[in-house]
Amino acid sequence: QVQLVESGGGLVQPGGSLTLSCTASGFSLDHYAIGWFRQAPGKEREGVSFRSSVDGSQYDSDDVKGRFTVSKDNAKNTAYLQMNSLKPEDTAVYYCAVGTWVGNRRWFLINEYDFWGQGTQVTVSS
């Protein structure tokens, strides 16, 4: 069964850090591009960070550039989103997604992805 399971969400103070994990089962992440999205209450789901399957390059939304890092551990079949200098406006449900043919110029489009995780809540508050 193909599945993506996120973990690592929680409550963190402004300025703090959090690392989200996205573990795949039923398939290998080796040749998949990784996208991380988030959805805040009352807002549409938006792309925040992307890791290319071609060269491992990362693309980010302007809101998180310089603060978020996407990585992947093929041995653990897990992708990660390291989030630093968190702000209250980063509060959202975070989703990981994978796709086989995600273009670098289309990474933020939901329809580019094949599989999605169930989401994990991140709350940034003092």
Foldseek 3Di string as FASTA:
>chain_A
DWAWAKDWADEAAAQAKTKMKIAIPPDFCQQKKKWKWWDDPPGDIWTAKIAHSPPRDMDGDPVQPPFWDWDADRVRSMIMIIGGRDDQVVWTWMKMFIANDADPVRRTPPVRTDDMHPTDTHGYHD
